[in-house]
Protein backbone atom coordinates (compact mmCIF):
# COMPACT_ATOMS: atom_id res chain seq x y z
CA MET A 1 182.31 146.28 122.28
CA TYR A 2 185.60 144.44 121.95
CA LEU A 3 184.03 141.15 120.93
CA ILE A 4 184.45 141.44 117.15
CA PRO A 5 188.09 142.64 117.21
CA VAL A 6 189.02 139.90 119.68
CA MET A 7 187.30 137.27 117.51
CA CYS A 8 189.09 138.56 114.40
CA LEU A 9 192.41 138.47 116.24
CA GLY A 10 191.68 134.89 117.29
CA VAL A 11 190.95 133.91 113.69
CA ILE A 12 194.19 135.50 112.48
CA ILE A 13 196.24 133.79 115.19
CA GLY A 14 194.51 130.46 114.63
CA ARG A 15 194.97 130.60 110.88
CA TRP A 16 198.56 131.77 110.51
CA ILE A 17 200.37 131.70 113.87
CA PHE A 18 198.98 128.84 116.01
CA PRO A 19 201.07 125.64 115.66
CA GLU A 20 199.37 122.76 113.85
CA LYS A 21 200.38 120.20 116.50
CA TYR A 22 198.32 121.99 119.19
CA LYS A 23 195.11 122.38 117.17
CA LYS A 24 193.52 119.15 118.51
CA LEU A 25 194.28 120.21 122.09
CA ASN A 26 192.82 123.65 121.33
CA GLU A 27 189.61 122.06 119.99
CA ARG A 28 189.19 120.03 123.18
CA LEU A 29 189.89 123.06 125.35
CA GLN A 30 187.28 125.08 123.43
CA THR A 31 184.71 122.31 123.91
CA ILE A 32 185.38 122.14 127.65
CA CYS A 33 185.17 125.94 127.98
CA THR A 34 181.89 125.98 126.04
CA ILE A 35 180.41 123.32 128.33
CA ILE A 36 181.49 125.29 131.40
CA LEU A 37 180.04 128.49 129.93
CA ILE A 38 176.67 126.83 129.23
CA PHE A 39 176.63 125.35 132.74
CA CYS A 40 177.36 128.75 134.32
CA MET A 41 174.63 130.37 132.25
CA GLY A 42 172.20 127.71 133.49
CA VAL A 43 173.21 128.31 137.10
CA THR A 44 172.78 132.06 136.64
CA LEU A 45 169.33 131.64 135.10
CA GLY A 46 168.27 129.09 137.70
CA SER A 47 169.20 131.40 140.57
CA ARG A 48 166.83 134.15 139.38
CA ASP A 49 163.76 134.50 141.60
CA ASN A 50 161.24 135.10 138.80
CA PHE A 51 162.80 132.79 136.25
CA LEU A 52 159.81 130.51 135.75
CA SER A 53 157.43 133.45 135.32
CA GLU A 54 159.85 135.11 132.88
CA LEU A 55 160.49 131.89 130.97
CA LYS A 56 157.45 132.28 128.74
CA SER A 57 158.48 135.78 127.70
CA LEU A 58 162.10 134.74 127.23
CA GLY A 59 161.05 131.69 125.23
CA VAL A 60 159.00 133.70 122.75
CA GLN A 61 161.73 136.29 122.30
CA SER A 62 164.40 133.61 121.91
CA PHE A 63 162.30 131.77 119.36
CA LEU A 64 161.81 134.95 117.32
CA PHE A 65 165.52 135.82 117.50
CA PHE A 66 166.32 132.34 116.19
CA PHE A 67 163.49 131.84 113.70
CA ILE A 68 163.50 135.11 111.75
CA PRO A 69 167.24 135.15 110.86
CA THR A 70 167.21 131.42 110.15
CA ALA A 71 164.18 131.64 107.85
CA LEU A 72 165.59 134.63 105.99
CA SER A 73 168.98 132.92 105.61
CA VAL A 74 167.39 129.77 104.22
CA ILE A 75 165.31 131.79 101.76
CA LEU A 76 168.33 133.82 100.59
CA VAL A 77 170.49 130.71 100.17
CA PHE A 78 167.70 128.99 98.23
CA VAL A 79 167.22 131.97 95.88
CA PHE A 80 170.93 132.51 95.26
CA THR A 81 171.57 128.79 94.79
CA ARG A 82 168.79 128.54 92.22
CA ARG A 83 170.16 131.52 90.31
CA LEU A 84 173.75 130.28 90.39
CA MET A 85 172.76 126.72 89.46
CA ASP A 86 170.71 127.98 86.51
CA LYS A 87 173.68 130.03 85.28
CA HIS A 88 175.99 127.06 85.82
CA ARG A 89 173.71 124.77 83.79
CA GLU A 90 173.55 127.31 80.95
CA VAL A 91 177.35 127.54 80.83
CA LYS A 92 177.69 123.72 80.64
CA LYS A 93 175.28 123.51 77.66
């Protein structure tokens, strides 16, 4: 529930308040935390008793959650890019 406001606050702090000299350190810290998070998620999934039997179901759902938004995004970007490029070409002529 608090995810979006916290992310927005992080963007605001990172953009206008966070010192420039610490940005590289912050990037490394974020990478390390992401690696730890992925590792912990793997440990949690691996400790489930029925994980292998649930993997097929999870795999199909995960694929659909990835594929449908990605395909729709690519289609929308393609359509809007074509329209904008056509307008841009007309203006140049």
